[in-house]
Amino acid sequence: MEVRIVSVNVGQPQVLRQLRTKTVYSSINKHPVVSSGELLLTYTNLLGDQQVDTRPKEDGRQLHGGNEKAIYVYPVVHYDLWRQELGLDLHIPSFGENLTIDGVDETVVRVGDVWRWGDALLEVSKPRQPCYKLSWHLGVSDIEVRMWDNARCGWYMRVLEPGIVPTQGGITVVSTQESAPSIAAVLGEKEKNNRS
């Protein structure tokens, strides 16, 4: 598998919506890194990127960020499909991804795949489960359901080894386990469980 970098993206907390009782912040409005050919990837995020709500859930997992969700990857091939389906002029990175890539998608990427990105080593951890903040960001009320139903969610990666990563070029797939489920298969199982 050949993975090509289309865009590396970072964001800082901004007001997403002002509600009557509180202000909702998010870093979903990311922008491409164009001023540097490389940047630092730590165990939890890229330099210049910050997750807002990292509170743990009841089961101990974090809502956003942390090592399990250090990098959010989204295939560029989905953009044209979304533009046609939604009738929106979507620019990269409209889905809040850190890494927009070409060459692979949810049907071939497997949980546990290991990638070498510059000096850093990453592992595919899980599919993204979109939340209401993406709906607000895009102005599409059912985007969460649509992404889940069509398996165009992208995936998260954990950082095994931090390091300096390039903002252009390729990423090497170091290893993949054919017995592991693809991201699309995990999404399909979750969808089946939700409906039963």
N, C-alpha and C. Protein backbone atom coordinates (compact mmCIF):
# COMPACT_ATOMS: atom_id res chain seq x y z
N MET A 1 0.85 -1.20 0.00
CA MET A 1 0.00 0.00 0.00
C MET A 1 0.88 1.25 0.00
N GLU A 2 0.52 2.19 -0.83
CA GLU A 2 1.22 3.46 -0.86
C GLU A 2 0.30 4.55 -0.33
N VAL A 3 0.75 5.26 0.68
CA VAL A 3 -0.02 6.34 1.29
C VAL A 3 0.67 7.65 0.95
N ARG A 4 -0.07 8.57 0.35
CA ARG A 4 0.49 9.87 -0.02
C ARG A 4 -0.16 10.97 0.82
N ILE A 5 0.65 11.87 1.31
CA ILE A 5 0.15 13.00 2.09
C ILE A 5 -0.45 14.03 1.15
N VAL A 6 -1.69 14.40 1.39
CA VAL A 6 -2.35 15.47 0.65
C VAL A 6 -2.25 16.76 1.45
N SER A 7 -2.48 16.66 2.77
CA SER A 7 -2.44 17.84 3.62
C SER A 7 -2.25 17.44 5.08
N VAL A 8 -1.44 18.20 5.79
CA VAL A 8 -1.29 18.05 7.24
C VAL A 8 -1.95 19.27 7.86
N ASN A 9 -2.83 19.04 8.87
CA ASN A 9 -3.72 20.10 9.34
C ASN A 9 -3.72 20.19 10.86
N VAL A 10 -3.76 21.43 11.35
CA VAL A 10 -3.80 21.67 12.79
C VAL A 10 -4.84 22.73 13.11
N GLY A 11 -5.26 22.77 14.37
CA GLY A 11 -6.25 23.76 14.79
C GLY A 11 -6.16 24.05 16.26
N GLN A 12 -6.59 25.24 16.62
CA GLN A 12 -6.65 25.68 18.01
C GLN A 12 -8.10 25.88 18.42
N PRO A 13 -8.38 25.83 19.71
CA PRO A 13 -9.76 26.00 20.16
C PRO A 13 -10.36 27.33 19.71
N GLN A 14 -11.59 27.25 19.21
CA GLN A 14 -12.37 28.42 18.80
C GLN A 14 -13.80 28.21 19.26
N VAL A 15 -14.54 29.31 19.32
CA VAL A 15 -15.96 29.20 19.66
C VAL A 15 -16.67 28.56 18.47
N LEU A 16 -17.32 27.42 18.72
CA LEU A 16 -18.09 26.75 17.68
C LEU A 16 -19.54 27.20 17.70
N ARG A 17 -20.08 27.34 18.91
CA ARG A 17 -21.47 27.78 19.06
C ARG A 17 -21.67 28.39 20.44
N GLN A 18 -22.46 29.45 20.46
CA GLN A 18 -22.83 30.09 21.72
C GLN A 18 -24.24 29.65 22.09
N LEU A 19 -24.34 28.87 23.14
CA LEU A 19 -25.65 28.44 23.62
C LEU A 19 -26.12 29.37 24.73
N ARG A 20 -27.35 29.21 25.14
CA ARG A 20 -27.89 30.08 26.18
C ARG A 20 -27.13 29.95 27.49
N THR A 21 -26.75 28.71 27.83
CA THR A 21 -26.13 28.47 29.12
C THR A 21 -24.62 28.25 29.08
N LYS A 22 -24.06 28.07 27.87
CA LYS A 22 -22.61 27.87 27.80
C LYS A 22 -22.07 28.16 26.40
N THR A 23 -20.77 28.31 26.34
CA THR A 23 -20.06 28.48 25.07
C THR A 23 -19.40 27.16 24.72
N VAL A 24 -19.62 26.69 23.50
CA VAL A 24 -19.03 25.42 23.04
C VAL A 24 -17.80 25.72 22.20
N TYR A 25 -16.66 25.19 22.64
CA TYR A 25 -15.40 25.36 21.93
C TYR A 25 -15.05 24.08 21.18
N SER A 26 -14.28 24.24 20.11
CA SER A 26 -13.80 23.08 19.36
C SER A 26 -12.57 23.48 18.55
N SER A 27 -11.75 22.50 18.23
CA SER A 27 -10.61 22.70 17.33
C SER A 27 -10.87 22.04 15.97
N ILE A 28 -12.13 21.81 15.65
CA ILE A 28 -12.48 21.12 14.41
C ILE A 28 -12.17 21.96 13.18
N ASN A 29 -12.13 23.27 13.33
CA ASN A 29 -11.85 24.16 12.21
C ASN A 29 -10.33 24.24 12.00
N LYS A 30 -9.79 23.23 11.35
CA LYS A 30 -8.34 23.15 11.17
C LYS A 30 -7.92 23.81 9.87
N HIS A 31 -6.63 24.06 9.75
CA HIS A 31 -6.07 24.65 8.53
C HIS A 31 -4.80 23.90 8.14
N PRO A 32 -4.50 23.83 6.84
CA PRO A 32 -3.29 23.14 6.38
C PRO A 32 -2.02 23.84 6.87
N VAL A 33 -1.02 23.04 7.19
CA VAL A 33 0.29 23.58 7.56
C VAL A 33 1.03 23.86 6.26
N VAL A 34 1.28 25.13 5.98
CA VAL A 34 1.94 25.50 4.74
C VAL A 34 3.25 26.24 4.97
N SER A 35 3.48 26.68 6.20
CA SER A 35 4.67 27.49 6.48
C SER A 35 5.90 26.66 6.80
N SER A 36 5.72 25.36 6.97
CA SER A 36 6.84 24.51 7.36
C SER A 36 6.77 23.18 6.62
N GLY A 37 7.92 22.64 6.28
CA GLY A 37 7.97 21.35 5.60
C GLY A 37 7.92 20.17 6.54
N GLU A 38 8.01 20.46 7.84
CA GLU A 38 7.95 19.40 8.84
C GLU A 38 7.53 19.99 10.17
N LEU A 39 7.04 19.13 11.05
CA LEU A 39 6.68 19.56 12.40
C LEU A 39 6.75 18.38 13.35
N LEU A 40 6.67 18.70 14.63
CA LEU A 40 6.81 17.68 15.67
C LEU A 40 5.48 16.99 15.94
N LEU A 41 5.52 15.66 15.99
CA LEU A 41 4.38 14.86 16.43
C LEU A 41 4.74 14.27 17.78
N THR A 42 3.94 14.59 18.80
CA THR A 42 4.17 14.05 20.15
C THR A 42 3.27 12.82 20.33
N TYR A 43 3.24 12.29 21.54
CA TYR A 43 2.37 11.15 21.82
C TYR A 43 0.90 11.51 21.75
N THR A 44 0.56 12.80 21.85
CA THR A 44 -0.85 13.17 21.90
C THR A 44 -1.32 14.06 20.74
N ASN A 45 -0.42 14.75 20.05
CA ASN A 45 -0.87 15.57 18.93
C ASN A 45 0.29 16.17 18.15
N LEU A 46 -0.06 16.84 17.05
CA LEU A 46 0.90 17.58 16.26
C LEU A 46 1.15 18.94 16.90
N LEU A 47 2.36 19.46 16.76
CA LEU A 47 2.66 20.80 17.23
C LEU A 47 1.73 21.79 16.52
N GLY A 48 1.05 22.61 17.29
CA GLY A 48 0.10 23.57 16.71
C GLY A 48 -1.34 23.10 16.73
N ASP A 49 -1.56 21.85 17.17
CA ASP A 49 -2.91 21.31 17.25
C ASP A 49 -3.25 21.09 18.71
N GLN A 50 -4.51 21.34 19.06
CA GLN A 50 -4.93 21.16 20.46
C GLN A 50 -6.35 20.63 20.52
N GLN A 51 -6.54 19.54 21.24
CA GLN A 51 -7.89 19.03 21.47
C GLN A 51 -8.52 19.81 22.62
N VAL A 52 -9.82 20.01 22.54
CA VAL A 52 -10.51 20.84 23.54
C VAL A 52 -11.02 20.01 24.70
N ASP A 53 -11.86 19.04 24.43
CA ASP A 53 -12.54 18.32 25.50
C ASP A 53 -11.91 16.94 25.68
N THR A 54 -10.97 16.84 26.60
CA THR A 54 -10.27 15.57 26.82
C THR A 54 -10.73 14.89 28.11
N ARG A 55 -11.90 15.30 28.61
CA ARG A 55 -12.44 14.64 29.81
C ARG A 55 -12.65 13.16 29.55
N PRO A 56 -12.41 12.32 30.55
CA PRO A 56 -12.68 10.90 30.35
C PRO A 56 -14.17 10.60 30.39
N LYS A 57 -14.57 9.60 29.59
CA LYS A 57 -15.94 9.10 29.64
C LYS A 57 -16.09 8.23 30.89
N GLU A 58 -17.29 7.73 31.11
CA GLU A 58 -17.52 6.85 32.26
C GLU A 58 -16.68 5.59 32.20
N ASP A 59 -16.37 5.11 30.98
CA ASP A 59 -15.57 3.89 30.85
C ASP A 59 -14.08 4.17 30.88
N GLY A 60 -13.69 5.43 31.11
CA GLY A 60 -12.29 5.78 31.23
C GLY A 60 -11.65 6.29 29.95
N ARG A 61 -12.29 6.05 28.80
CA ARG A 61 -11.74 6.53 27.54
C ARG A 61 -11.98 8.03 27.41
N GLN A 62 -11.09 8.70 26.66
CA GLN A 62 -11.23 10.13 26.49
C GLN A 62 -12.19 10.45 25.35
N LEU A 63 -12.91 11.58 25.52
CA LEU A 63 -13.80 12.04 24.47
C LEU A 63 -13.02 12.42 23.22
N HIS A 64 -11.99 13.25 23.40
CA HIS A 64 -11.15 13.70 22.30
C HIS A 64 -9.69 13.60 22.72
N GLY A 65 -8.83 13.41 21.75
CA GLY A 65 -7.40 13.44 22.02
C GLY A 65 -6.89 12.24 22.79
N GLY A 66 -5.75 12.45 23.42
CA GLY A 66 -5.08 11.35 24.10
C GLY A 66 -4.36 10.49 23.08
N ASN A 67 -3.61 9.52 23.55
CA ASN A 67 -2.79 8.73 22.64
C ASN A 67 -3.62 7.90 21.67
N GLU A 68 -4.79 7.40 22.09
CA GLU A 68 -5.63 6.58 21.21
C GLU A 68 -6.14 7.36 20.00
N LYS A 69 -6.26 8.68 20.18
CA LYS A 69 -6.82 9.53 19.13
C LYS A 69 -5.88 10.70 18.83
N ALA A 70 -4.59 10.40 18.78
CA ALA A 70 -3.60 11.47 18.58
C ALA A 70 -3.71 12.09 17.19
N ILE A 71 -3.96 11.26 16.18
CA ILE A 71 -4.05 11.74 14.80
C ILE A 71 -5.33 11.21 14.16
N TYR A 72 -6.08 12.12 13.57
CA TYR A 72 -7.28 11.73 12.84
C TYR A 72 -6.95 11.80 11.34
N VAL A 73 -7.14 10.66 10.65
CA VAL A 73 -6.79 10.52 9.24
C VAL A 73 -8.07 10.44 8.40
N TYR A 74 -8.08 11.16 7.27
CA TYR A 74 -9.25 11.12 6.39
C TYR A 74 -8.81 11.02 4.93
N PRO A 75 -9.39 10.06 4.19
CA PRO A 75 -9.03 9.89 2.78
C PRO A 75 -9.60 11.00 1.90
N VAL A 76 -8.76 11.56 1.03
CA VAL A 76 -9.18 12.64 0.16
C VAL A 76 -10.23 12.18 -0.85
N VAL A 77 -10.24 10.89 -1.16
CA VAL A 77 -11.18 10.36 -2.15
C VAL A 77 -12.63 10.61 -1.75
N HIS A 78 -12.90 10.77 -0.46
CA HIS A 78 -14.28 10.99 0.00
C HIS A 78 -14.80 12.39 -0.31
N TYR A 79 -13.90 13.34 -0.51
CA TYR A 79 -14.34 14.72 -0.67
C TYR A 79 -15.28 14.91 -1.86
N ASP A 80 -14.93 14.36 -3.01
CA ASP A 80 -15.81 14.52 -4.18
C ASP A 80 -17.17 13.88 -3.95
N LEU A 81 -17.18 12.72 -3.27
CA LEU A 81 -18.45 12.06 -2.97
C LEU A 81 -19.32 12.94 -2.07
N TRP A 82 -18.71 13.53 -1.05
CA TRP A 82 -19.47 14.41 -0.15
C TRP A 82 -19.94 15.68 -0.87
N ARG A 83 -19.10 16.24 -1.73
CA ARG A 83 -19.51 17.45 -2.46
C ARG A 83 -20.75 17.18 -3.31
N GLN A 84 -20.76 16.01 -3.97
CA GLN A 84 -21.92 15.64 -4.78
C GLN A 84 -23.14 15.36 -3.90
N GLU A 85 -22.93 14.63 -2.83
CA GLU A 85 -24.04 14.21 -1.97
C GLU A 85 -24.66 15.37 -1.21
N LEU A 86 -23.81 16.28 -0.71
CA LEU A 86 -24.31 17.37 0.14
C LEU A 86 -24.51 18.67 -0.60
N GLY A 87 -23.92 18.79 -1.79
CA GLY A 87 -24.03 20.04 -2.54
C GLY A 87 -23.28 21.18 -1.88
N LEU A 88 -22.20 20.85 -1.17
CA LEU A 88 -21.40 21.86 -0.47
C LEU A 88 -20.01 21.98 -1.10
N ASP A 89 -19.44 23.17 -1.02
CA ASP A 89 -18.08 23.39 -1.50
C ASP A 89 -17.12 23.10 -0.35
N LEU A 90 -16.83 21.83 -0.16
CA LEU A 90 -16.00 21.40 0.96
C LEU A 90 -14.52 21.54 0.62
N HIS A 91 -13.80 22.19 1.50
CA HIS A 91 -12.35 22.33 1.31
C HIS A 91 -11.64 21.40 2.31
N ILE A 92 -10.42 21.07 2.02
CA ILE A 92 -9.60 20.28 2.94
C ILE A 92 -9.05 21.23 3.99
N PRO A 93 -9.26 20.94 5.27
CA PRO A 93 -9.76 19.76 5.97
C PRO A 93 -11.13 20.00 6.61
N SER A 94 -12.18 19.95 5.84
CA SER A 94 -13.54 20.21 6.33
C SER A 94 -14.00 19.26 7.42
N PHE A 95 -13.43 18.06 7.49
CA PHE A 95 -13.90 17.08 8.47
C PHE A 95 -13.08 17.10 9.76
N GLY A 96 -12.20 18.09 9.87
CA GLY A 96 -11.43 18.25 11.11
C GLY A 96 -10.26 17.30 11.22
N GLU A 97 -9.83 16.73 10.08
CA GLU A 97 -8.74 15.76 10.13
C GLU A 97 -7.37 16.42 10.29
N ASN A 98 -6.47 15.69 10.92
CA ASN A 98 -5.07 16.13 11.03
C ASN A 98 -4.28 15.77 9.78
N LEU A 99 -4.68 14.67 9.16
CA LEU A 99 -3.92 14.15 8.04
C LEU A 99 -4.88 13.74 6.93
N THR A 100 -4.82 14.44 5.81
CA THR A 100 -5.61 14.08 4.64
C THR A 100 -4.68 13.28 3.73
N ILE A 101 -5.10 12.07 3.36
CA ILE A 101 -4.22 11.18 2.62
C ILE A 101 -4.88 10.66 1.34
N ASP A 102 -4.05 10.08 0.49
CA ASP A 102 -4.53 9.45 -0.74
C ASP A 102 -3.87 8.08 -0.85
N GLY A 103 -4.57 7.14 -1.47
CA GLY A 103 -3.99 5.84 -1.72
C GLY A 103 -4.63 4.70 -0.95
N VAL A 104 -5.26 5.00 0.18
CA VAL A 104 -5.94 3.97 0.97
C VAL A 104 -7.23 4.55 1.53
N ASP A 105 -8.15 3.66 1.91
CA ASP A 105 -9.38 4.10 2.57
C ASP A 105 -9.79 3.06 3.61
N GLU A 106 -10.99 3.19 4.14
CA GLU A 106 -11.46 2.34 5.23
C GLU A 106 -11.58 0.86 4.86
N THR A 107 -11.67 0.57 3.56
CA THR A 107 -11.83 -0.83 3.14
C THR A 107 -10.52 -1.61 3.20
N VAL A 108 -9.39 -0.92 3.16
CA VAL A 108 -8.09 -1.62 3.16
C VAL A 108 -7.26 -1.38 4.42
N VAL A 109 -7.51 -0.28 5.12
CA VAL A 109 -6.77 0.01 6.35
C VAL A 109 -7.33 -0.86 7.47
N ARG A 110 -6.45 -1.51 8.21
CA ARG A 110 -6.85 -2.44 9.26
C ARG A 110 -6.43 -1.94 10.64
N VAL A 111 -7.25 -2.26 11.63
CA VAL A 111 -6.90 -1.96 13.01
C VAL A 111 -5.57 -2.65 13.32
N GLY A 112 -4.63 -1.90 13.86
CA GLY A 112 -3.32 -2.45 14.18
C GLY A 112 -2.27 -2.22 13.11
N ASP A 113 -2.65 -1.72 11.93
CA ASP A 113 -1.66 -1.38 10.91
C ASP A 113 -0.66 -0.39 11.50
N VAL A 114 0.61 -0.55 11.16
CA VAL A 114 1.66 0.34 11.65
C VAL A 114 2.22 1.13 10.48
N TRP A 115 2.29 2.45 10.64
CA TRP A 115 2.79 3.35 9.60
C TRP A 115 4.03 4.08 10.10
N ARG A 116 4.97 4.29 9.19
CA ARG A 116 6.13 5.14 9.45
C ARG A 116 5.93 6.46 8.74
N TRP A 117 5.80 7.53 9.53
CA TRP A 117 5.61 8.87 8.98
C TRP A 117 6.80 9.71 9.44
N GLY A 118 7.75 9.92 8.55
CA GLY A 118 8.98 10.61 8.95
C GLY A 118 9.68 9.82 10.04
N ASP A 119 10.00 10.51 11.13
CA ASP A 119 10.65 9.85 12.27
C ASP A 119 9.67 9.14 13.18
N ALA A 120 8.38 9.38 12.99
CA ALA A 120 7.36 8.87 13.92
C ALA A 120 6.81 7.52 13.46
N LEU A 121 6.37 6.74 14.44
CA LEU A 121 5.74 5.46 14.17
C LEU A 121 4.33 5.51 14.75
N LEU A 122 3.32 5.16 13.93
CA LEU A 122 1.92 5.23 14.35
C LEU A 122 1.22 3.90 14.12
N GLU A 123 0.11 3.71 14.85
CA GLU A 123 -0.69 2.50 14.71
C GLU A 123 -2.15 2.87 14.59
N VAL A 124 -2.83 2.25 13.63
CA VAL A 124 -4.27 2.48 13.46
C VAL A 124 -4.99 1.95 14.69
N SER A 125 -5.79 2.80 15.35
CA SER A 125 -6.44 2.38 16.60
C SER A 125 -7.93 2.10 16.46
N LYS A 126 -8.66 2.94 15.76
CA LYS A 126 -10.12 2.76 15.69
C LYS A 126 -10.74 3.70 14.68
N PRO A 127 -11.97 3.41 14.24
CA PRO A 127 -12.68 4.35 13.37
C PRO A 127 -13.07 5.61 14.15
N ARG A 128 -13.26 6.68 13.43
CA ARG A 128 -13.78 7.88 14.08
C ARG A 128 -15.29 7.73 14.22
N GLN A 129 -15.79 8.10 15.37
CA GLN A 129 -17.24 8.17 15.56
C GLN A 129 -17.58 9.65 15.65
N PRO A 130 -18.14 10.22 14.57
CA PRO A 130 -18.40 11.66 14.56
C PRO A 130 -19.42 12.07 15.60
N CYS A 131 -19.31 13.32 16.07
CA CYS A 131 -20.23 13.83 17.08
C CYS A 131 -20.96 15.07 16.56
N TYR A 132 -21.78 15.63 17.41
CA TYR A 132 -22.62 16.78 17.05
C TYR A 132 -21.80 17.98 16.60
N LYS A 133 -20.54 18.08 17.05
CA LYS A 133 -19.72 19.23 16.68
C LYS A 133 -19.44 19.25 15.18
N LEU A 134 -19.32 18.09 14.57
CA LEU A 134 -19.14 18.04 13.11
C LEU A 134 -20.41 18.52 12.42
N SER A 135 -21.57 18.15 12.94
CA SER A 135 -22.85 18.63 12.39
C SER A 135 -22.91 20.15 12.42
N TRP A 136 -22.54 20.73 13.55
CA TRP A 136 -22.55 22.18 13.68
C TRP A 136 -21.53 22.82 12.74
N HIS A 137 -20.35 22.22 12.67
CA HIS A 137 -19.25 22.76 11.86
C HIS A 137 -19.63 22.80 10.37
N LEU A 138 -20.24 21.73 9.89
CA LEU A 138 -20.59 21.65 8.46
C LEU A 138 -21.98 22.19 8.16
N GLY A 139 -22.82 22.30 9.19
CA GLY A 139 -24.19 22.73 8.97
C GLY A 139 -25.05 21.65 8.34
N VAL A 140 -24.69 20.38 8.63
CA VAL A 140 -25.43 19.22 8.10
C VAL A 140 -25.90 18.41 9.30
N SER A 141 -27.20 18.46 9.59
CA SER A 141 -27.71 17.89 10.84
C SER A 141 -27.52 16.38 10.95
N ASP A 142 -27.52 15.67 9.82
CA ASP A 142 -27.43 14.20 9.90
C ASP A 142 -26.08 13.66 9.42
N ILE A 143 -25.04 14.50 9.44
CA ILE A 143 -23.74 14.06 8.94
C ILE A 143 -23.19 12.88 9.74
N GLU A 144 -23.46 12.83 11.04
CA GLU A 144 -22.96 11.72 11.87
C GLU A 144 -23.52 10.39 11.37
N VAL A 145 -24.82 10.36 11.12
CA VAL A 145 -25.47 9.13 10.64
C VAL A 145 -24.98 8.78 9.24
N ARG A 146 -24.87 9.79 8.38
CA ARG A 146 -24.41 9.55 7.00
C ARG A 146 -23.01 8.95 6.98
N MET A 147 -22.10 9.53 7.78
CA MET A 147 -20.72 9.03 7.80
C MET A 147 -20.68 7.58 8.29
N TRP A 148 -21.47 7.29 9.29
CA TRP A 148 -21.50 5.94 9.86
C TRP A 148 -22.08 4.95 8.85
N ASP A 149 -23.18 5.34 8.20
CA ASP A 149 -23.86 4.45 7.26
C ASP A 149 -23.02 4.14 6.02
N ASN A 150 -22.27 5.12 5.53
CA ASN A 150 -21.51 4.90 4.30
C ASN A 150 -20.04 4.54 4.55
N ALA A 151 -19.67 4.39 5.83
CA ALA A 151 -18.30 3.98 6.22
C ALA A 151 -17.23 4.95 5.70
N ARG A 152 -17.60 6.23 5.62
CA ARG A 152 -16.62 7.25 5.23
C ARG A 152 -16.29 8.12 6.44
N CYS A 153 -15.84 7.46 7.51
CA CYS A 153 -15.56 8.14 8.78
C CYS A 153 -14.10 8.51 8.97
N GLY A 154 -13.20 7.82 8.30
CA GLY A 154 -11.78 7.98 8.61
C GLY A 154 -11.43 7.18 9.85
N TRP A 155 -10.24 7.38 10.37
CA TRP A 155 -9.79 6.59 11.52
C TRP A 155 -8.77 7.37 12.35
N TYR A 156 -8.62 6.90 13.57
CA TYR A 156 -7.63 7.47 14.49
C TYR A 156 -6.38 6.62 14.51
N MET A 157 -5.27 7.29 14.84
CA MET A 157 -4.00 6.58 15.00
C MET A 157 -3.37 6.98 16.33
N ARG A 158 -2.78 5.99 16.99
CA ARG A 158 -2.01 6.25 18.21
C ARG A 158 -0.54 6.39 17.82
N VAL A 159 0.20 7.12 18.62
CA VAL A 159 1.62 7.34 18.34
C VAL A 159 2.43 6.35 19.17
N LEU A 160 3.18 5.50 18.48
CA LEU A 160 4.06 4.54 19.15
C LEU A 160 5.42 5.16 19.43
N GLU A 161 5.89 5.96 18.48
CA GLU A 161 7.16 6.69 18.63
C GLU A 161 6.97 8.10 18.11
N PRO A 162 7.12 9.13 18.95
CA PRO A 162 7.01 10.50 18.45
C PRO A 162 8.22 10.86 17.60
N GLY A 163 8.10 11.97 16.87
CA GLY A 163 9.22 12.41 16.05
C GLY A 163 8.83 13.52 15.10
N ILE A 164 9.77 13.93 14.28
CA ILE A 164 9.54 14.96 13.28
C ILE A 164 8.89 14.32 12.05
N VAL A 165 7.80 14.92 11.58
CA VAL A 165 7.08 14.37 10.43
C VAL A 165 7.04 15.39 9.30
N PRO A 166 7.13 14.93 8.05
CA PRO A 166 7.05 15.85 6.92
C PRO A 166 5.60 16.22 6.61
N THR A 167 5.41 17.37 5.99
CA THR A 167 4.06 17.80 5.60
C THR A 167 3.77 17.47 4.14
N GLN A 168 4.72 16.86 3.45
CA GLN A 168 4.53 16.43 2.07
C GLN A 168 5.20 15.07 1.88
N GLY A 169 4.85 14.41 0.78
CA GLY A 169 5.51 13.15 0.46
C GLY A 169 4.67 11.95 0.80
N GLY A 170 5.35 10.88 1.19
CA GLY A 170 4.65 9.63 1.44
C GLY A 170 4.79 9.13 2.86
N ILE A 171 3.97 8.15 3.16
CA ILE A 171 3.99 7.47 4.45
C ILE A 171 4.13 5.98 4.13
N THR A 172 4.98 5.29 4.87
CA THR A 172 5.23 3.87 4.63
C THR A 172 4.38 3.02 5.55
N VAL A 173 3.66 2.06 4.97
CA VAL A 173 2.94 1.07 5.77
C VAL A 173 3.97 0.00 6.16
N VAL A 174 4.33 -0.02 7.44
CA VAL A 174 5.37 -0.92 7.93
C VAL A 174 4.84 -2.34 8.05
N SER A 175 3.64 -2.46 8.60
CA SER A 175 3.07 -3.80 8.77
C SER A 175 1.55 -3.73 8.78
N THR A 176 0.95 -4.84 8.36
CA THR A 176 -0.50 -4.99 8.42
C THR A 176 -0.80 -6.46 8.70
N GLN A 177 -1.85 -6.71 9.45
CA GLN A 177 -2.23 -8.08 9.76
C GLN A 177 -3.51 -8.40 8.99
N GLU A 178 -3.40 -9.33 8.07
CA GLU A 178 -4.54 -9.69 7.24
C GLU A 178 -5.71 -10.22 8.06
N SER A 179 -5.42 -10.75 9.24
CA SER A 179 -6.50 -11.31 10.08
C SER A 179 -7.25 -10.23 10.86
N ALA A 180 -6.69 -9.03 10.92
CA ALA A 180 -7.34 -7.94 11.66
C ALA A 180 -8.46 -7.34 10.82
N PRO A 181 -9.51 -6.83 11.48
CA PRO A 181 -10.62 -6.24 10.72
C PRO A 181 -10.23 -4.91 10.09
N SER A 182 -10.78 -4.65 8.92
CA SER A 182 -10.60 -3.33 8.31
C SER A 182 -11.44 -2.32 9.09
N ILE A 183 -11.15 -1.05 8.88
CA ILE A 183 -11.95 0.00 9.52
C ILE A 183 -13.41 -0.12 9.07
N ALA A 184 -13.63 -0.40 7.78
CA ALA A 184 -15.00 -0.57 7.26
C ALA A 184 -15.71 -1.73 7.94
N ALA A 185 -14.99 -2.82 8.19
CA ALA A 185 -15.59 -3.98 8.85
C ALA A 185 -15.98 -3.65 10.29
N VAL A 186 -15.14 -2.90 10.99
CA VAL A 186 -15.47 -2.49 12.36
C VAL A 186 -16.72 -1.62 12.36
N LEU A 187 -16.79 -0.70 11.41
CA LEU A 187 -17.98 0.16 11.29
C LEU A 187 -19.22 -0.67 11.01
N GLY A 188 -19.09 -1.67 10.14
CA GLY A 188 -20.21 -2.54 9.81
C GLY A 188 -20.70 -3.33 11.01
N GLU A 189 -19.79 -3.82 11.83
CA GLU A 189 -20.16 -4.57 13.03
C GLU A 189 -20.87 -3.67 14.03
N LYS A 190 -20.37 -2.46 14.20
CA LYS A 190 -21.01 -1.53 15.14
C LYS A 190 -22.40 -1.17 14.67
N GLU A 191 -22.53 -0.97 13.36
CA GLU A 191 -23.85 -0.64 12.80
C GLU A 191 -24.82 -1.78 13.01
N LYS A 192 -24.36 -3.00 12.79
CA LYS A 192 -25.21 -4.19 12.98
C LYS A 192 -25.64 -4.31 14.44
N ASN A 193 -24.69 -4.08 15.37
CA ASN A 193 -25.02 -4.17 16.80
C ASN A 193 -26.00 -3.08 17.23
N ASN A 194 -25.84 -1.88 16.65
CA ASN A 194 -26.74 -0.78 16.99
C ASN A 194 -28.17 -1.04 16.53
N ARG A 195 -28.32 -1.79 15.44
CA ARG A 195 -29.66 -2.04 14.89
C ARG A 195 -30.31 -3.27 15.50
N SER A 196 -29.54 -4.12 16.18
CA SER A 196 -30.13 -5.33 16.75
C SER A 196 -30.55 -5.14 18.20
